[in-house]
Amino acid sequence: MTTGIVTPETSSTMSKRIKGIKIDAPENLNSGDKKWRDSQYLDTCVNAIQRWLSMKGIRLESKEALDFVGFKLQGSALTTYNHHLIKEKDKAFFFSFMLVLREFLIPSTSKDLLWNQWEAATSHKDGRHMGIKTFANWL
């Protein structure tokens, strides 16, 4: 059972049903705006782009999906896109670029990254107890 994202198999059927409905394209991504540094906001917008592309009948694995994303970027995110296309050439596609974009936009001090480090924390290193002060400094 698929939830949330329209699968490529159903996208053509859906695009026929909603042909008469005007659906605005997702907003442009300006990397200078701080709202794009929030991981939840970025993930929500990436999901919206995926749904919009699927509703328009564009397969997420196609070059057209990646081209559409390129037109929605501004600032240094567009530069990152161009570098990704040059570096990956024929291997560049929507999902690989979304990972690169997320790594570029979301700072290393993001709450979700810090939470993952907190969850992985242990007071043992190489099978030995490291002591409370050492562990506190590591945190």
C-alpha atoms as a PDB file:
ATOM      1  CA  MET A   1       0.000   0.000   0.000  1.00  0.00           C
ATOM      2  CA  THR A   2       1.436   3.366  -1.020  1.00  0.00           C
ATOM      3  CA  THR A   3       0.619   6.441   0.991  1.00  0.00           C
ATOM      4  CA  GLY A   4       1.486  10.061   0.411  1.00  0.00           C
ATOM      5  CA  ILE A   5       3.261   9.969  -2.942  1.00  0.00           C
ATOM      6  CA  VAL A   6       1.614   9.125  -6.243  1.00  0.00           C
ATOM      7  CA  THR A   7       3.349   6.166  -7.845  1.00  0.00           C
ATOM      8  CA  PRO A   8       4.501   6.447 -11.487  1.00  0.00           C
ATOM      9  CA  GLU A   9       2.040   3.706 -12.525  1.00  0.00           C
ATOM     10  CA  THR A  10      -0.953   5.794 -11.424  1.00  0.00           C
ATOM     11  CA  SER A  11       0.356   9.203 -12.463  1.00  0.00           C
ATOM     12  CA  SER A  12      -0.896   8.987 -16.064  1.00  0.00           C
ATOM     13  CA  THR A  13      -4.359   7.984 -14.874  1.00  0.00           C
ATOM     14  CA  MET A  14      -4.396  10.818 -12.373  1.00  0.00           C
ATOM     15  CA  SER A  15      -3.146  13.375 -14.889  1.00  0.00           C
ATOM     16  CA  LYS A  16      -6.057  12.460 -17.201  1.00  0.00           C
ATOM     17  CA  ARG A  17      -8.580  12.924 -14.384  1.00  0.00           C
ATOM     18  CA  ILE A  18      -7.272  16.309 -13.259  1.00  0.00           C
ATOM     19  CA  LYS A  19      -6.466  17.690 -16.703  1.00  0.00           C
ATOM     20  CA  GLY A  20      -8.994  20.485 -16.346  1.00  0.00           C
ATOM     21  CA  ILE A  21      -7.833  21.534 -12.889  1.00  0.00           C
ATOM     22  CA  LYS A  22      -5.110  24.186 -12.636  1.00  0.00           C
ATOM     23  CA  ILE A  23      -2.513  23.254 -10.034  1.00  0.00           C
ATOM     24  CA  ASP A  24       0.138  25.854  -9.356  1.00  0.00           C
ATOM     25  CA  ALA A  25       3.745  24.742  -9.472  1.00  0.00           C
ATOM     26  CA  PRO A  26       5.585  24.537  -6.138  1.00  0.00           C
ATOM     27  CA  GLU A  27       7.353  27.672  -4.950  1.00  0.00           C
ATOM     28  CA  ASN A  28      10.848  28.652  -6.015  1.00  0.00           C
ATOM     29  CA  LEU A  29      13.699  27.691  -3.730  1.00  0.00           C
ATOM     30  CA  ASN A  30      15.912  30.676  -2.915  1.00  0.00           C
ATOM     31  CA  SER A  31      18.839  29.346  -0.891  1.00  0.00           C
ATOM     32  CA  GLY A  32      19.375  32.792   0.665  1.00  0.00           C
ATOM     33  CA  ASP A  33      16.056  32.568   2.515  1.00  0.00           C
ATOM     34  CA  LYS A  34      16.424  31.070   6.013  1.00  0.00           C
ATOM     35  CA  LYS A  35      13.212  29.050   5.816  1.00  0.00           C
ATOM     36  CA  TRP A  36      15.003  26.607   3.501  1.00  0.00           C
ATOM     37  CA  ARG A  37      17.524  25.799   6.245  1.00  0.00           C
ATOM     38  CA  ASP A  38      14.797  24.000   8.213  1.00  0.00           C
ATOM     39  CA  SER A  39      14.831  20.275   7.439  1.00  0.00           C
ATOM     40  CA  GLN A  40      11.075  19.806   7.938  1.00  0.00           C
ATOM     41  CA  TYR A  41      10.231  22.734   5.650  1.00  0.00           C
ATOM     42  CA  LEU A  42      12.578  21.444   2.940  1.00  0.00           C
ATOM     43  CA  ASP A  43      11.225  17.885   3.197  1.00  0.00           C
ATOM     44  CA  THR A  44       7.640  19.163   2.935  1.00  0.00           C
ATOM     45  CA  CYS A  45       8.491  21.155  -0.180  1.00  0.00           C
ATOM     46  CA  VAL A  46      10.326  18.214  -1.775  1.00  0.00           C
ATOM     47  CA  ASN A  47       7.210  16.080  -1.191  1.00  0.00           C
ATOM     48  CA  ALA A  48       5.092  18.803  -2.813  1.00  0.00           C
ATOM     49  CA  ILE A  49       7.405  18.816  -5.850  1.00  0.00           C
ATOM     50  CA  GLN A  50       7.150  15.024  -6.084  1.00  0.00           C
ATOM     51  CA  ARG A  51       3.333  15.140  -5.976  1.00  0.00           C
ATOM     52  CA  TRP A  52       3.176  17.971  -8.525  1.00  0.00           C
ATOM     53  CA  LEU A  53       5.477  16.150 -10.957  1.00  0.00           C
ATOM     54  CA  SER A  54       3.502  12.933 -10.556  1.00  0.00           C
ATOM     55  CA  MET A  55       0.206  14.742 -11.160  1.00  0.00           C
ATOM     56  CA  LYS A  56       1.631  16.266 -14.329  1.00  0.00           C
ATOM     57  CA  GLY A  57       2.618  12.787 -15.520  1.00  0.00           C
ATOM     58  CA  ILE A  58       6.370  13.381 -15.228  1.00  0.00           C
ATOM     59  CA  ARG A  59       8.270  10.355 -13.960  1.00  0.00           C
ATOM     60  CA  LEU A  60      10.568  11.201 -11.052  1.00  0.00           C
ATOM     61  CA  GLU A  61      13.343   9.109 -12.622  1.00  0.00           C
ATOM     62  CA  SER A  62      13.296  11.188 -15.824  1.00  0.00           C
ATOM     63  CA  LYS A  63      15.536  14.080 -16.848  1.00  0.00           C
ATOM     64  CA  GLU A  64      12.442  16.279 -17.110  1.00  0.00           C
ATOM     65  CA  ALA A  65      11.888  16.036 -13.349  1.00  0.00           C
ATOM     66  CA  LEU A  66      15.463  17.154 -12.702  1.00  0.00           C
ATOM     67  CA  ASP A  67      15.131  19.960 -15.266  1.00  0.00           C
ATOM     68  CA  PHE A  68      11.946  21.191 -13.569  1.00  0.00           C
ATOM     69  CA  VAL A  69      13.757  21.367 -10.219  1.00  0.00           C
ATOM     70  CA  GLY A  70      16.549  23.338 -11.891  1.00  0.00           C
ATOM     71  CA  PHE A  71      14.062  25.984 -13.012  1.00  0.00           C
ATOM     72  CA  LYS A  72      12.708  26.311  -9.455  1.00  0.00           C
ATOM     73  CA  LEU A  73      16.128  27.092  -7.898  1.00  0.00           C
ATOM     74  CA  GLN A  74      17.669  30.488  -7.210  1.00  0.00           C
ATOM     75  CA  GLY A  75      20.951  31.695  -5.758  1.00  0.00           C
ATOM     76  CA  SER A  76      23.632  29.281  -4.645  1.00  0.00           C
ATOM     77  CA  ALA A  77      21.195  26.353  -4.827  1.00  0.00           C
ATOM     78  CA  LEU A  78      21.175  26.879  -8.612  1.00  0.00           C
ATOM     79  CA  THR A  79      24.979  26.826  -8.606  1.00  0.00           C
ATOM     80  CA  THR A  80      24.881  23.552  -6.651  1.00  0.00           C
ATOM     81  CA  TYR A  81      22.457  22.177  -9.248  1.00  0.00           C
ATOM     82  CA  ASN A  82      24.771  23.126 -12.128  1.00  0.00           C
ATOM     83  CA  HIS A  83      27.777  21.557 -10.389  1.00  0.00           C
ATOM     84  CA  HIS A  84      25.767  18.393  -9.753  1.00  0.00           C
ATOM     85  CA  LEU A  85      24.857  18.135 -13.443  1.00  0.00           C
ATOM     86  CA  ILE A  86      28.486  18.575 -14.472  1.00  0.00           C
ATOM     87  CA  LYS A  87      29.799  16.111 -11.894  1.00  0.00           C
ATOM     88  CA  GLU A  88      27.190  13.377 -12.365  1.00  0.00           C
ATOM     89  CA  LYS A  89      26.488  13.859 -16.108  1.00  0.00           C
ATOM     90  CA  ASP A  90      24.269  10.925 -17.148  1.00  0.00           C
ATOM     91  CA  LYS A  91      23.852   9.638 -13.579  1.00  0.00           C
ATOM     92  CA  ALA A  92      22.133  12.800 -12.310  1.00  0.00           C
ATOM     93  CA  PHE A  93      18.464  12.372 -11.458  1.00  0.00           C
ATOM     94  CA  PHE A  94      15.837  13.876  -9.162  1.00  0.00           C
ATOM     95  CA  PHE A  95      16.493  11.834  -6.021  1.00  0.00           C
ATOM     96  CA  SER A  96      20.286  12.077  -6.159  1.00  0.00           C
ATOM     97  CA  PHE A  97      20.063  15.846  -6.498  1.00  0.00           C
ATOM     98  CA  MET A  98      17.572  16.146  -3.627  1.00  0.00           C
ATOM     99  CA  LEU A  99      20.135  14.445  -1.364  1.00  0.00           C
ATOM    100  CA  VAL A 100      22.853  16.848  -2.534  1.00  0.00           C
ATOM    101  CA  LEU A 101      20.535  19.822  -2.061  1.00  0.00           C
ATOM    102  CA  ARG A 102      19.554  18.704   1.433  1.00  0.00           C
ATOM    103  CA  GLU A 103      23.201  18.307   2.402  1.00  0.00           C
ATOM    104  CA  PHE A 104      23.934  21.774   0.976  1.00  0.00           C
ATOM    105  CA  LEU A 105      21.004  23.599   2.593  1.00  0.00           C
ATOM    106  CA  ILE A 106      20.597  21.977   5.995  1.00  0.00           C
ATOM    107  CA  PRO A 107      23.386  23.057   8.364  1.00  0.00           C
ATOM    108  CA  SER A 108      25.364  20.481  10.304  1.00  0.00           C
ATOM    109  CA  THR A 109      23.850  21.905  13.510  1.00  0.00           C
ATOM    110  CA  SER A 110      20.332  21.036  12.395  1.00  0.00           C
ATOM    111  CA  LYS A 111      18.097  19.713  15.180  1.00  0.00           C
ATOM    112  CA  ASP A 112      17.544  16.378  13.473  1.00  0.00           C
ATOM    113  CA  LEU A 113      21.307  15.789  13.092  1.00  0.00           C
ATOM    114  CA  LEU A 114      21.942  16.703  16.712  1.00  0.00           C
ATOM    115  CA  TRP A 115      19.112  14.443  17.810  1.00  0.00           C
ATOM    116  CA  ASN A 116      20.632  11.515  15.893  1.00  0.00           C
ATOM    117  CA  GLN A 117      23.992  12.138  17.596  1.00  0.00           C
ATOM    118  CA  TRP A 118      22.273  12.292  20.995  1.00  0.00           C
ATOM    119  CA  GLU A 119      20.463   9.014  20.356  1.00  0.00           C
ATOM    120  CA  ALA A 120      23.728   7.329  19.301  1.00  0.00           C
ATOM    121  CA  ALA A 121      25.676   8.588  22.322  1.00  0.00           C
ATOM    122  CA  THR A 122      27.172   6.036  24.672  1.00  0.00           C
ATOM    123  CA  SER A 123      29.567   6.322  27.583  1.00  0.00           C
ATOM    124  CA  HIS A 124      31.602   3.417  26.256  1.00  0.00           C
ATOM    125  CA  LYS A 125      34.302   3.701  23.616  1.00  0.00           C
ATOM    126  CA  ASP A 126      36.128   0.663  22.255  1.00  0.00           C
ATOM    127  CA  GLY A 127      34.543  -1.456  24.986  1.00  0.00           C
ATOM    128  CA  ARG A 128      35.847   0.743  27.804  1.00  0.00           C
ATOM    129  CA  HIS A 129      33.994   3.207  29.988  1.00  0.00           C
ATOM    130  CA  MET A 130      35.171   6.731  29.088  1.00  0.00           C
ATOM    131  CA  GLY A 131      34.188   8.556  32.273  1.00  0.00           C
ATOM    132  CA  ILE A 132      31.454  11.082  32.884  1.00  0.00           C
ATOM    133  CA  LYS A 133      33.537  14.209  32.166  1.00  0.00           C
ATOM    134  CA  THR A 134      34.871  12.852  28.877  1.00  0.00           C
ATOM    135  CA  PHE A 135      31.377  11.750  27.883  1.00  0.00           C
ATOM    136  CA  ALA A 136      29.907  15.169  28.790  1.00  0.00           C
ATOM    137  CA  ASN A 137      32.571  16.930  26.719  1.00  0.00           C
ATOM    138  CA  TRP A 138      31.834  14.657  23.791  1.00  0.00           C
ATOM    139  CA  LEU A 139      28.153  15.575  23.998  1.00  0.00           C
END
